[in-house]
């Protein structure tokens, strides 16, 4: 069962995003910020460091998101950090994104790719996933250079690995 605090924060973030702006834009901005937080330990440490004044931690958020994200997204990240929930922020955002997709009768497909996908590529990938799985999905892209090429798609507990890395590993195994 999911942590009720995470679910509560996710529901609150979704409600604010729906009331104050375009929820899909806010979801995308928060998803990207959560990915940055996951991949940069020093950023997470800085934002969670209660030894730093809250004003300084909030300034870091403003410096990072101010010109790159909507005011709603910046305020939501600031709220979670201000509440002392920095460590849970990625899980909160994941739950919020899932909540948003569910409100549109869709499932979230997290796609790891070596490069960012264009809108057309994302739409075609979503259509292909829908055809293969029978699920209507929203694609969220995570840039992961270790994929090398192709994509690795996660839909809940299901993983579809179409990466070049996997193919190279298969080839390597076939020579043993």
Protein backbone atom coordinates (compact mmCIF):
# COMPACT_ATOMS: atom_id res chain seq x y z
CA UNK A 1 0.00 0.00 0.00
CA UNK A 2 1.26 3.47 -0.85
CA UNK A 3 2.34 5.86 1.87
CA UNK A 4 -0.77 7.89 2.77
CA UNK A 5 1.32 11.06 3.15
CA UNK A 6 2.68 10.65 -0.37
CA UNK A 7 -0.83 10.02 -1.70
CA UNK A 8 -2.17 13.02 0.22
CA UNK A 9 0.49 15.36 -1.12
CA UNK A 10 0.01 13.98 -4.65
CA UNK A 11 -3.73 14.60 -4.46
CA UNK A 12 -3.15 18.13 -3.15
CA UNK A 13 -0.62 18.92 -5.88
CA UNK A 14 -2.98 17.59 -8.53
CA UNK A 15 -5.87 19.67 -7.16
CA UNK A 16 -3.79 22.85 -7.16
CA UNK A 17 -2.47 22.15 -10.67
CA UNK A 18 -6.03 21.58 -11.92
CA UNK A 19 -7.33 24.73 -10.24
CA UNK A 20 -4.45 27.06 -11.08
CA UNK A 21 -3.17 26.03 -14.47
CA UNK A 22 -2.90 23.36 -17.10
CA UNK A 23 -2.45 20.13 -15.10
CA UNK A 24 -0.63 18.32 -17.91
CA UNK A 25 1.96 21.12 -18.16
CA UNK A 26 2.47 21.16 -14.40
CA UNK A 27 2.71 17.35 -14.32
CA UNK A 28 5.37 17.42 -17.04
CA UNK A 29 7.39 20.16 -15.31
CA UNK A 30 7.23 18.40 -11.95
CA UNK A 31 8.10 15.06 -13.56
CA UNK A 32 11.22 16.59 -15.11
CA UNK A 33 12.19 18.23 -11.81
CA UNK A 34 11.73 14.92 -9.97
CA UNK A 35 13.98 13.20 -12.52
CA UNK A 36 16.63 15.88 -11.96
CA UNK A 37 16.31 15.36 -8.22
CA UNK A 38 16.73 11.59 -8.65
CA UNK A 39 19.83 11.97 -10.79
CA UNK A 40 21.59 14.71 -8.81
CA UNK A 41 22.35 13.67 -5.24
CA UNK A 42 23.81 17.07 -4.38
CA UNK A 43 20.58 18.83 -5.38
CA UNK A 44 18.53 16.52 -3.17
CA UNK A 45 20.99 16.96 -0.30
CA UNK A 46 20.90 20.74 -0.64
CA UNK A 47 17.11 20.95 -0.73
CA UNK A 48 16.75 18.54 2.22
CA UNK A 49 19.49 20.17 4.34
CA UNK A 50 17.64 21.65 7.32
CA UNK A 51 20.95 23.26 8.32
CA UNK A 52 20.43 25.67 5.42
CA UNK A 53 17.85 28.37 5.98
CA UNK A 54 14.56 27.61 4.24
CA UNK A 55 14.83 30.90 2.34
CA UNK A 56 18.11 29.71 0.78
CA UNK A 57 16.63 26.34 -0.22
CA UNK A 58 13.61 28.09 -1.73
CA UNK A 59 15.96 30.41 -3.63
CA UNK A 60 17.69 27.36 -5.12
CA UNK A 61 14.28 26.19 -6.39
CA UNK A 62 13.53 29.64 -7.80
CA UNK A 63 16.93 29.77 -9.50
CA UNK A 64 16.40 26.33 -11.05
CA UNK A 65 12.76 26.61 -12.05
CA UNK A 66 11.95 30.32 -12.16
CA UNK A 67 12.43 30.86 -15.89
CA UNK A 68 11.98 27.22 -16.96
CA UNK A 69 8.68 26.30 -15.31
CA UNK A 70 5.32 27.81 -14.54
CA UNK A 71 4.76 29.73 -11.33
CA UNK A 72 2.41 26.94 -10.21
CA UNK A 73 5.12 24.27 -10.60
CA UNK A 74 7.68 26.40 -8.78
CA UNK A 75 5.24 27.08 -5.94
CA UNK A 76 4.33 23.40 -5.60
CA UNK A 77 7.97 22.30 -5.38
CA UNK A 78 8.61 25.08 -2.86
CA UNK A 79 5.62 23.95 -0.79
CA UNK A 80 6.83 20.33 -0.61
CA UNK A 81 10.41 21.36 0.22
CA UNK A 82 9.13 23.88 2.79
CA UNK A 83 7.10 21.11 4.43
CA UNK A 84 10.27 19.05 4.85
CA UNK A 85 9.27 16.41 2.30
CA UNK A 86 12.15 16.77 -0.17
CA UNK A 87 13.08 13.10 0.09
CA UNK A 88 9.52 12.10 -0.83
CA UNK A 89 9.19 14.63 -3.68
CA UNK A 90 9.94 12.15 -6.51
CA UNK A 91 7.39 9.66 -5.13
CA UNK A 92 4.84 12.45 -4.64
CA UNK A 93 5.33 13.60 -8.22
CA UNK A 94 5.06 10.03 -9.54
CA UNK A 95 1.79 9.58 -7.67
CA UNK A 96 0.54 12.95 -8.92
CA UNK A 97 1.37 12.08 -12.54
CA UNK A 98 -0.40 8.74 -12.17
CA UNK A 99 -3.41 10.52 -10.64
CA UNK A 100 -3.48 12.97 -13.53
CA UNK A 101 -3.26 10.22 -16.14
CA UNK A 102 -6.02 8.28 -14.37
CA UNK A 103 -8.24 11.36 -14.49
CA UNK A 104 -7.85 11.22 -18.29
CA UNK A 105 -8.46 7.44 -18.34
CA UNK A 106 -4.85 6.69 -19.17
CA UNK A 107 -1.86 4.89 -17.69
CA UNK A 108 1.64 6.37 -17.36
CA UNK A 109 4.36 4.82 -19.49
CA UNK A 110 7.82 5.89 -18.34
CA UNK A 111 10.17 5.69 -21.31
CA UNK A 112 13.93 5.76 -20.85
CA UNK A 113 15.75 6.93 -23.95
CA UNK A 114 19.27 8.14 -24.68
CA UNK A 115 17.83 11.29 -26.25
CA UNK A 116 14.68 13.33 -25.79
CA UNK A 117 11.80 12.31 -28.03
CA UNK A 118 9.97 14.72 -30.30
CA UNK A 119 6.24 15.16 -29.87
CA UNK A 120 5.66 13.07 -32.99
CA UNK A 121 7.91 10.27 -31.72
CA UNK A 122 6.11 10.30 -28.36
CA UNK A 123 2.71 10.09 -30.07
CA UNK A 124 3.82 7.22 -32.30
CA UNK A 125 5.35 5.41 -29.32
CA UNK A 126 2.14 5.87 -27.32
CA UNK A 127 0.15 4.42 -30.23
CA UNK A 128 2.53 1.45 -30.49
CA UNK A 129 2.34 0.79 -26.74
CA UNK A 130 -1.44 1.03 -26.89
CA UNK A 131 -1.52 -1.51 -29.72
CA UNK A 132 0.89 -3.89 -27.97
CA UNK A 133 -0.56 -3.68 -24.45
CA UNK A 134 -4.15 -2.65 -25.03
CA UNK A 135 -3.63 0.24 -22.61
CA UNK A 136 -4.12 3.91 -23.42
CA UNK A 137 -0.91 5.57 -22.18
CA UNK A 138 0.70 8.93 -21.55
CA UNK A 139 4.41 8.82 -22.33
CA UNK A 140 6.84 10.41 -19.86
CA UNK A 141 10.42 10.46 -21.13
CA UNK A 142 13.48 10.05 -18.92
CA UNK A 143 16.82 10.78 -20.59
CA UNK A 144 19.17 7.90 -19.79
CA UNK A 145 22.42 7.76 -21.80
CA UNK A 146 23.07 4.18 -20.63
CA UNK A 147 20.23 3.02 -22.91
CA UNK A 148 22.55 3.82 -25.88
CA UNK A 149 19.66 3.70 -28.37
CA UNK A 150 16.09 2.50 -28.57
CA UNK A 151 13.85 2.77 -25.51
CA UNK A 152 13.01 0.97 -22.29
CA UNK A 153 9.33 1.34 -21.41
CA UNK A 154 7.89 0.78 -17.94
CA UNK A 155 4.14 0.61 -17.41
CA UNK A 156 3.55 -0.23 -13.79
CA UNK A 157 5.44 -3.48 -13.21
CA UNK A 158 5.68 -4.31 -16.93
CA UNK A 159 8.95 -3.57 -18.73
CA UNK A 160 9.42 -3.58 -22.50
CA UNK A 161 13.15 -3.38 -23.20
CA UNK A 162 13.83 -2.33 -26.78
CA UNK A 163 17.23 -0.83 -26.02
CA UNK A 164 20.42 -1.23 -27.97
CA UNK A 165 22.12 -2.09 -24.67
CA UNK A 166 19.84 -5.13 -24.25
CA UNK A 167 20.45 -6.23 -27.83
CA UNK A 168 24.23 -5.93 -27.35
CA UNK A 169 23.98 -8.00 -24.16
CA UNK A 170 21.97 -10.65 -26.02
CA UNK A 171 24.56 -10.72 -28.79
CA UNK A 172 27.37 -11.00 -26.25
CA UNK A 173 25.57 -13.93 -24.58
CA UNK A 174 25.10 -15.70 -27.89
CA UNK A 175 28.89 -15.75 -28.43
CA UNK A 176 29.53 -17.50 -25.11
